[in-house]
Amino acid sequence: MRFLTYFSSLQFAWDISLMSPAPPKTPKDLFFFFRFFFYTKVSRYGKN
């Protein structure tokens, strides 16, 4: 289940990088993007 969530987040990041005019080019940008995405997922679905 965790691998599936990780894969869907990777797919989401790939779609965002394809759609956005300026995709993240450095690992630091990817790290900040994944941290933001992880925090939004936790704050939305982690309260159970």
PDB file of N, CA and C in Angstrom:
ATOM      1  N   MET A   1       0.836  -1.204   0.000  1.00  0.00           N
ATOM      2  CA  MET A   1       0.000   0.000   0.000  1.00  0.00           C
ATOM      3  C   MET A   1       0.870   1.253   0.000  1.00  0.00           C
ATOM      4  N   ARG A   2       1.932   1.206   0.774  1.00  0.00           N
ATOM      5  CA  ARG A   2       2.816   2.374   0.780  1.00  0.00           C
ATOM      6  C   ARG A   2       3.535   2.533  -0.558  1.00  0.00           C
ATOM      7  N   PHE A   3       3.900   1.404  -1.171  1.00  0.00           N
ATOM      8  CA  PHE A   3       4.548   1.478  -2.483  1.00  0.00           C
ATOM      9  C   PHE A   3       3.590   2.041  -3.528  1.00  0.00           C
ATOM     10  N   LEU A   4       2.304   1.681  -3.409  1.00  0.00           N
ATOM     11  CA  LEU A   4       1.317   2.187  -4.351  1.00  0.00           C
ATOM     12  C   LEU A   4       1.143   3.698  -4.193  1.00  0.00           C
ATOM     13  N   THR A   5       1.134   4.169  -2.948  1.00  0.00           N
ATOM     14  CA  THR A   5       1.030   5.606  -2.709  1.00  0.00           C
ATOM     15  C   THR A   5       2.260   6.325  -3.246  1.00  0.00           C
ATOM     16  N   TYR A   6       3.433   5.723  -3.055  1.00  0.00           N
ATOM     17  CA  TYR A   6       4.670   6.312  -3.555  1.00  0.00           C
ATOM     18  C   TYR A   6       4.675   6.369  -5.079  1.00  0.00           C
ATOM     19  N   PHE A   7       4.181   5.317  -5.711  1.00  0.00           N
ATOM     20  CA  PHE A   7       4.147   5.288  -7.167  1.00  0.00           C
ATOM     21  C   PHE A   7       3.155   6.312  -7.709  1.00  0.00           C
ATOM     22  N   SER A   8       1.999   6.461  -7.050  1.00  0.00           N
ATOM     23  CA  SER A   8       1.017   7.445  -7.506  1.00  0.00           C
ATOM     24  C   SER A   8       1.550   8.858  -7.327  1.00  0.00           C
ATOM     25  N   SER A   9       2.316   9.102  -6.257  1.00  0.00           N
ATOM     26  CA  SER A   9       2.903  10.421  -6.071  1.00  0.00           C
ATOM     27  C   SER A   9       3.977  10.689  -7.118  1.00  0.00           C
ATOM     28  N   LEU A  10       4.717   9.637  -7.514  1.00  0.00           N
ATOM     29  CA  LEU A  10       5.685   9.802  -8.592  1.00  0.00           C
ATOM     30  C   LEU A  10       4.989  10.118  -9.910  1.00  0.00           C
ATOM     31  N   GLN A  11       3.883   9.432 -10.168  1.00  0.00           N
ATOM     32  CA  GLN A  11       3.120   9.700 -11.380  1.00  0.00           C
ATOM     33  C   GLN A  11       2.562  11.117 -11.364  1.00  0.00           C
ATOM     34  N   PHE A  12       2.092  11.562 -10.196  1.00  0.00           N
ATOM     35  CA  PHE A  12       1.578  12.921 -10.056  1.00  0.00           C
ATOM     36  C   PHE A  12       2.681  13.944 -10.303  1.00  0.00           C
ATOM     37  N   ALA A  13       3.867  13.673  -9.771  1.00  0.00           N
ATOM     38  CA  ALA A  13       4.986  14.593  -9.978  1.00  0.00           C
ATOM     39  C   ALA A  13       5.392  14.626 -11.449  1.00  0.00           C
ATOM     40  N   TRP A  14       5.326  13.475 -12.118  1.00  0.00           N
ATOM     41  CA  TRP A  14       5.661  13.427 -13.542  1.00  0.00           C
ATOM     42  C   TRP A  14       4.652  14.234 -14.358  1.00  0.00           C
ATOM     43  N   ASP A  15       3.339  14.114 -14.028  1.00  0.00           N
ATOM     44  CA  ASP A  15       2.322  14.885 -14.738  1.00  0.00           C
ATOM     45  C   ASP A  15       2.501  16.372 -14.493  1.00  0.00           C
ATOM     46  N   ILE A  16       2.830  16.747 -13.263  1.00  0.00           N
ATOM     47  CA  ILE A  16       3.029  18.159 -12.944  1.00  0.00           C
ATOM     48  C   ILE A  16       4.237  18.702 -13.705  1.00  0.00           C
ATOM     49  N   SER A  17       5.317  17.917 -13.773  1.00  0.00           N
ATOM     50  CA  SER A  17       6.515  18.381 -14.467  1.00  0.00           C
ATOM     51  C   SER A  17       6.271  18.473 -15.969  1.00  0.00           C
ATOM     52  N   LEU A  18       5.358  17.658 -16.501  1.00  0.00           N
ATOM     53  CA  LEU A  18       5.027  17.770 -17.919  1.00  0.00           C
ATOM     54  C   LEU A  18       4.134  18.978 -18.191  1.00  0.00           C
ATOM     55  N   MET A  19       3.221  19.277 -17.259  1.00  0.00           N
ATOM     56  CA  MET A  19       2.270  20.357 -17.499  1.00  0.00           C
ATOM     57  C   MET A  19       2.834  21.723 -17.140  1.00  0.00           C
ATOM     58  N   SER A  20       3.717  21.780 -16.147  1.00  0.00           N
ATOM     59  CA  SER A  20       4.186  23.076 -15.669  1.00  0.00           C
ATOM     60  C   SER A  20       5.161  23.687 -16.675  1.00  0.00           C
ATOM     61  N   PRO A  21       5.164  25.010 -16.809  1.00  0.00           N
ATOM     62  CA  PRO A  21       6.080  25.666 -17.747  1.00  0.00           C
ATOM     63  C   PRO A  21       7.535  25.576 -17.293  1.00  0.00           C
ATOM     64  N   ALA A  22       7.766  25.503 -15.980  1.00  0.00           N
ATOM     65  CA  ALA A  22       9.126  25.408 -15.462  1.00  0.00           C
ATOM     66  C   ALA A  22       9.214  24.216 -14.516  1.00  0.00           C
ATOM     67  N   PRO A  23       9.531  23.031 -15.041  1.00  0.00           N
ATOM     68  CA  PRO A  23       9.636  21.851 -14.181  1.00  0.00           C
ATOM     69  C   PRO A  23      10.853  21.940 -13.273  1.00  0.00           C
ATOM     70  N   PRO A  24      10.816  21.304 -12.117  1.00  0.00           N
ATOM     71  CA  PRO A  24      11.976  21.312 -11.217  1.00  0.00           C
ATOM     72  C   PRO A  24      13.157  20.581 -11.843  1.00  0.00           C
ATOM     73  N   LYS A  25      14.302  21.235 -11.872  1.00  0.00           N
ATOM     74  CA  LYS A  25      15.464  20.678 -12.568  1.00  0.00           C
ATOM     75  C   LYS A  25      16.506  20.120 -11.604  1.00  0.00           C
ATOM     76  N   THR A  26      16.512  20.601 -10.374  1.00  0.00           N
ATOM     77  CA  THR A  26      17.521  20.153  -9.424  1.00  0.00           C
ATOM     78  C   THR A  26      16.894  19.227  -8.394  1.00  0.00           C
ATOM     79  N   PRO A  27      17.681  18.353  -7.779  1.00  0.00           N
ATOM     80  CA  PRO A  27      17.133  17.471  -6.736  1.00  0.00           C
ATOM     81  C   PRO A  27      16.567  18.235  -5.552  1.00  0.00           C
ATOM     82  N   LYS A  28      17.078  19.459  -5.303  1.00  0.00           N
ATOM     83  CA  LYS A  28      16.551  20.240  -4.183  1.00  0.00           C
ATOM     84  C   LYS A  28      15.120  20.665  -4.460  1.00  0.00           C
ATOM     85  N   ASP A  29      14.825  21.053  -5.698  1.00  0.00           N
ATOM     86  CA  ASP A  29      13.449  21.403  -6.055  1.00  0.00           C
ATOM     87  C   ASP A  29      12.536  20.192  -5.938  1.00  0.00           C
ATOM     88  N   LEU A  30      13.031  19.025  -6.369  1.00  0.00           N
ATOM     89  CA  LEU A  30      12.241  17.806  -6.240  1.00  0.00           C
ATOM     90  C   LEU A  30      12.007  17.467  -4.781  1.00  0.00           C
ATOM     91  N   PHE A  31      13.020  17.683  -3.942  1.00  0.00           N
ATOM     92  CA  PHE A  31      12.877  17.390  -2.523  1.00  0.00           C
ATOM     93  C   PHE A  31      11.822  18.284  -1.893  1.00  0.00           C
ATOM     94  N   PHE A  32      11.849  19.583  -2.209  1.00  0.00           N
ATOM     95  CA  PHE A  32      10.852  20.494  -1.656  1.00  0.00           C
ATOM     96  C   PHE A  32       9.459  20.180  -2.180  1.00  0.00           C
ATOM     97  N   PHE A  33       9.370  19.780  -3.444  1.00  0.00           N
ATOM     98  CA  PHE A  33       8.064  19.435  -4.010  1.00  0.00           C
ATOM     99  C   PHE A  33       7.497  18.198  -3.342  1.00  0.00           C
ATOM    100  N   PHE A  34       8.339  17.170  -3.161  1.00  0.00           N
ATOM    101  CA  PHE A  34       7.846  15.940  -2.536  1.00  0.00           C
ATOM    102  C   PHE A  34       7.528  16.160  -1.066  1.00  0.00           C
ATOM    103  N   ARG A  35       8.284  17.044  -0.392  1.00  0.00           N
ATOM    104  CA  ARG A  35       7.978  17.324   1.010  1.00  0.00           C
ATOM    105  C   ARG A  35       6.647  18.050   1.121  1.00  0.00           C
ATOM    106  N   PHE A  36       6.409  19.009   0.231  1.00  0.00           N
ATOM    107  CA  PHE A  36       5.127  19.713   0.226  1.00  0.00           C
ATOM    108  C   PHE A  36       3.982  18.761  -0.093  1.00  0.00           C
ATOM    109  N   PHE A  37       4.187  17.877  -1.078  1.00  0.00           N
ATOM    110  CA  PHE A  37       3.144  16.925  -1.456  1.00  0.00           C
ATOM    111  C   PHE A  37       2.876  15.943  -0.324  1.00  0.00           C
ATOM    112  N   PHE A  38       3.937  15.496   0.356  1.00  0.00           N
ATOM    113  CA  PHE A  38       3.771  14.560   1.467  1.00  0.00           C
ATOM    114  C   PHE A  38       3.025  15.219   2.620  1.00  0.00           C
ATOM    115  N   TYR A  39       3.351  16.476   2.919  1.00  0.00           N
ATOM    116  CA  TYR A  39       2.673  17.160   4.019  1.00  0.00           C
ATOM    117  C   TYR A  39       1.212  17.416   3.700  1.00  0.00           C
ATOM    118  N   THR A  40       0.888  17.730   2.452  1.00  0.00           N
ATOM    119  CA  THR A  40      -0.519  17.939   2.106  1.00  0.00           C
ATOM    120  C   THR A  40      -1.287  16.630   2.182  1.00  0.00           C
ATOM    121  N   LYS A  41      -0.657  15.516   1.748  1.00  0.00           N
ATOM    122  CA  LYS A  41      -1.335  14.219   1.845  1.00  0.00           C
ATOM    123  C   LYS A  41      -1.543  13.817   3.300  1.00  0.00           C
ATOM    124  N   VAL A  42      -0.551  14.056   4.141  1.00  0.00           N
ATOM    125  CA  VAL A  42      -0.672  13.675   5.551  1.00  0.00           C
ATOM    126  C   VAL A  42      -1.723  14.533   6.243  1.00  0.00           C
ATOM    127  N   SER A  43      -1.718  15.835   5.948  1.00  0.00           N
ATOM    128  CA  SER A  43      -2.685  16.704   6.615  1.00  0.00           C
ATOM    129  C   SER A  43      -4.099  16.430   6.130  1.00  0.00           C
ATOM    130  N   ARG A  44      -4.235  15.884   4.920  1.00  0.00           N
ATOM    131  CA  ARG A  44      -5.576  15.620   4.406  1.00  0.00           C
ATOM    132  C   ARG A  44      -6.080  14.239   4.828  1.00  0.00           C
ATOM    133  N   TYR A  45      -5.211  13.218   4.764  1.00  0.00           N
ATOM    134  CA  TYR A  45      -5.675  11.845   4.979  1.00  0.00           C
ATOM    135  C   TYR A  45      -5.133  11.211   6.264  1.00  0.00           C
ATOM    136  N   GLY A  46      -4.236  11.893   6.966  1.00  0.00           N
ATOM    137  CA  GLY A  46      -3.583  11.236   8.085  1.00  0.00           C
ATOM    138  C   GLY A  46      -4.309  11.367   9.412  1.00  0.00           C
ATOM    139  N   LYS A  47      -5.469  12.028   9.426  1.00  0.00           N
ATOM    140  CA  LYS A  47      -6.165  12.240  10.698  1.00  0.00           C
ATOM    141  C   LYS A  47      -7.237  11.172  10.870  1.00  0.00           C
ATOM    142  N   ASN A  48      -6.802   9.951  11.244  1.00  0.00           N
ATOM    143  CA  ASN A  48      -7.791   8.907  11.454  1.00  0.00           C
ATOM    144  C   ASN A  48      -7.557   8.192  12.776  1.00  0.00           C
TER     145      ASN A  48
END
